[in-house]
């Protein structure tokens, strides 16, 4: 059975949401190469509000095509946006679905209204979503993983 996709573009990029504020991911968790900053237009669904495209500068690993977003930074950006738009949606659950083509996102910033069907034509779901688990530093017994 084929998996369902949200966007109409082929899946692009891999994604990881870093929920640990003290872990900065200066190296890629997959290939261990240095990461760099890059801006993406993320396509996010917020419960009760619906979908939105938001520009976010994130860590990125070019060889792995991995976007690494720090959860506390993303939530601060969402809170700032909703403080002006609709404060009642602050703190609602959300899901980062994929990316939007930058030119479509930039048109939305200029106030050029685009129909939802048209926006979906420029959304690419993530190829794969990873979960980051961090083991705190310290001494462990030999029989502990």
Protein backbone atom coordinates (compact mmCIF):
# COMPACT_ATOMS: atom_id res chain seq x y z
CA UNK A 1 0.00 0.00 0.00
CA UNK A 2 1.40 3.39 -0.97
CA UNK A 3 1.92 5.90 1.83
CA UNK A 4 -0.13 9.08 1.71
CA UNK A 5 1.61 12.39 1.19
CA UNK A 6 0.38 15.83 2.05
CA UNK A 7 2.29 17.90 -0.50
CA UNK A 8 2.24 17.46 -4.25
CA UNK A 9 6.03 17.69 -4.74
CA UNK A 10 8.16 14.57 -4.30
CA UNK A 11 9.43 14.10 -0.72
CA UNK A 12 12.57 16.08 0.00
CA UNK A 13 14.92 16.39 2.96
CA UNK A 14 15.11 14.44 6.17
CA UNK A 15 14.01 16.04 9.42
CA UNK A 16 14.81 15.88 13.10
CA UNK A 17 13.21 17.91 15.90
CA UNK A 18 15.72 18.45 18.70
CA UNK A 19 13.77 18.58 21.95
CA UNK A 20 16.92 18.98 24.08
CA UNK A 21 17.74 22.70 24.59
CA UNK A 22 21.31 21.92 25.71
CA UNK A 23 22.17 19.89 22.59
CA UNK A 24 23.19 22.24 19.78
CA UNK A 25 23.86 19.69 16.98
CA UNK A 26 27.00 21.28 15.58
CA UNK A 27 27.68 17.89 13.97
CA UNK A 28 25.22 15.79 12.03
CA UNK A 29 23.85 12.91 14.14
CA UNK A 30 23.89 10.67 11.03
CA UNK A 31 27.29 11.27 9.38
CA UNK A 32 29.13 13.23 12.12
CA UNK A 33 30.12 16.02 9.68
CA UNK A 34 29.79 19.72 10.62
CA UNK A 35 26.40 21.35 10.10
CA UNK A 36 25.71 24.86 8.85
CA UNK A 37 22.82 27.32 9.09
CA UNK A 38 20.26 27.48 6.29
CA UNK A 39 16.83 29.04 6.02
CA UNK A 40 13.85 26.84 5.15
CA UNK A 41 10.17 27.58 4.71
CA UNK A 42 8.62 24.92 6.94
CA UNK A 43 5.05 23.74 6.42
CA UNK A 44 3.50 23.30 9.87
CA UNK A 45 0.03 22.18 10.93
CA UNK A 46 -1.19 23.72 14.20
CA UNK A 47 -4.14 22.06 15.95
CA UNK A 48 -7.19 24.31 15.84
CA UNK A 49 -5.55 26.77 13.42
CA UNK A 50 -4.57 24.65 10.43
CA UNK A 51 -1.52 24.80 8.18
CA UNK A 52 0.97 27.64 7.94
CA UNK A 53 4.31 28.25 6.25
CA UNK A 54 7.02 29.73 8.45
CA UNK A 55 10.57 30.69 7.62
CA UNK A 56 13.09 29.17 10.02
CA UNK A 57 16.87 29.24 10.01
CA UNK A 58 18.01 25.80 11.13
CA UNK A 59 21.04 23.57 11.26
CA UNK A 60 21.49 21.61 8.04
CA UNK A 61 23.69 18.76 6.87
CA UNK A 62 24.14 18.94 3.09
CA UNK A 63 25.46 15.38 2.53
CA UNK A 64 22.55 13.83 4.48
CA UNK A 65 19.98 16.47 3.45
CA UNK A 66 19.00 16.64 7.12
CA UNK A 67 17.17 19.64 8.59
CA UNK A 68 17.65 19.94 12.36
CA UNK A 69 15.20 22.22 14.17
CA UNK A 70 15.50 23.06 17.85
CA UNK A 71 12.07 22.58 19.43
CA UNK A 72 12.37 25.41 21.95
CA UNK A 73 13.32 27.90 19.19
CA UNK A 74 10.48 26.75 16.93
CA UNK A 75 7.94 27.02 19.74
CA UNK A 76 9.21 30.51 20.63
CA UNK A 77 8.78 31.57 16.98
CA UNK A 78 5.28 30.07 16.84
CA UNK A 79 4.34 31.84 20.08
CA UNK A 80 5.62 35.16 18.74
CA UNK A 81 3.60 34.76 15.53
CA UNK A 82 0.40 33.74 17.31
CA UNK A 83 0.71 36.48 19.92
CA UNK A 84 -0.15 38.88 17.08
CA UNK A 85 -2.43 36.64 14.99
CA UNK A 86 -4.50 34.61 17.44
CA UNK A 87 -3.30 34.30 21.06
CA UNK A 88 -5.81 31.54 21.81
CA UNK A 89 -3.73 29.11 19.70
CA UNK A 90 -0.49 29.59 21.67
CA UNK A 91 0.62 26.26 23.08
CA UNK A 92 -1.50 24.10 20.77
CA UNK A 93 0.06 20.91 19.43
CA UNK A 94 1.74 21.16 16.04
CA UNK A 95 3.32 18.95 13.40
CA UNK A 96 6.09 19.95 11.01
CA UNK A 97 5.01 18.24 7.78
CA UNK A 98 7.56 19.36 5.21
CA UNK A 99 8.91 22.36 3.32
CA UNK A 100 7.37 24.92 0.99
CA UNK A 101 9.19 26.34 -2.04
CA UNK A 102 10.81 29.60 -0.95
CA UNK A 103 9.33 31.71 -3.73
CA UNK A 104 5.77 30.70 -2.74
CA UNK A 105 6.51 31.44 0.92
CA UNK A 106 8.01 34.84 0.01
CA UNK A 107 4.93 35.72 -2.05
CA UNK A 108 2.83 35.07 1.05
CA UNK A 109 5.05 37.44 3.05
CA UNK A 110 4.36 40.18 0.51
CA UNK A 111 0.63 39.76 1.03
CA UNK A 112 -0.04 38.00 -2.25
CA UNK A 113 -2.85 35.68 -1.25
CA UNK A 114 -2.50 32.20 -2.68
CA UNK A 115 -5.20 29.54 -2.62
CA UNK A 116 -4.53 26.53 -0.43
CA UNK A 117 -4.67 24.18 -3.44
CA UNK A 118 -1.93 26.21 -5.09
CA UNK A 119 0.23 26.16 -1.97
CA UNK A 120 -0.05 22.36 -1.77
CA UNK A 121 1.49 22.17 -5.24
CA UNK A 122 4.69 23.62 -3.76
CA UNK A 123 4.83 21.55 -0.55
CA UNK A 124 7.30 18.66 -0.24
CA UNK A 125 6.86 16.19 2.62
CA UNK A 126 9.94 14.94 4.43
CA UNK A 127 11.60 11.78 3.10
CA UNK A 128 12.19 10.60 6.63
CA UNK A 129 11.66 11.92 10.16
CA UNK A 130 14.14 10.93 12.85
CA UNK A 131 13.83 10.93 16.62
CA UNK A 132 16.78 12.30 18.57
CA UNK A 133 17.69 10.51 21.79
CA UNK A 134 20.52 11.85 23.91
CA UNK A 135 22.31 9.92 26.62
CA UNK A 136 23.65 12.31 29.27
CA UNK A 137 27.40 12.29 29.79
CA UNK A 138 28.70 10.55 32.87
CA UNK A 139 30.03 7.32 34.25
CA UNK A 140 28.07 4.14 33.52
CA UNK A 141 28.58 0.54 34.58
CA UNK A 142 30.02 -1.76 31.93
CA UNK A 143 26.75 -3.71 31.64
CA UNK A 144 24.72 -0.54 30.85
CA UNK A 145 24.22 0.52 27.24
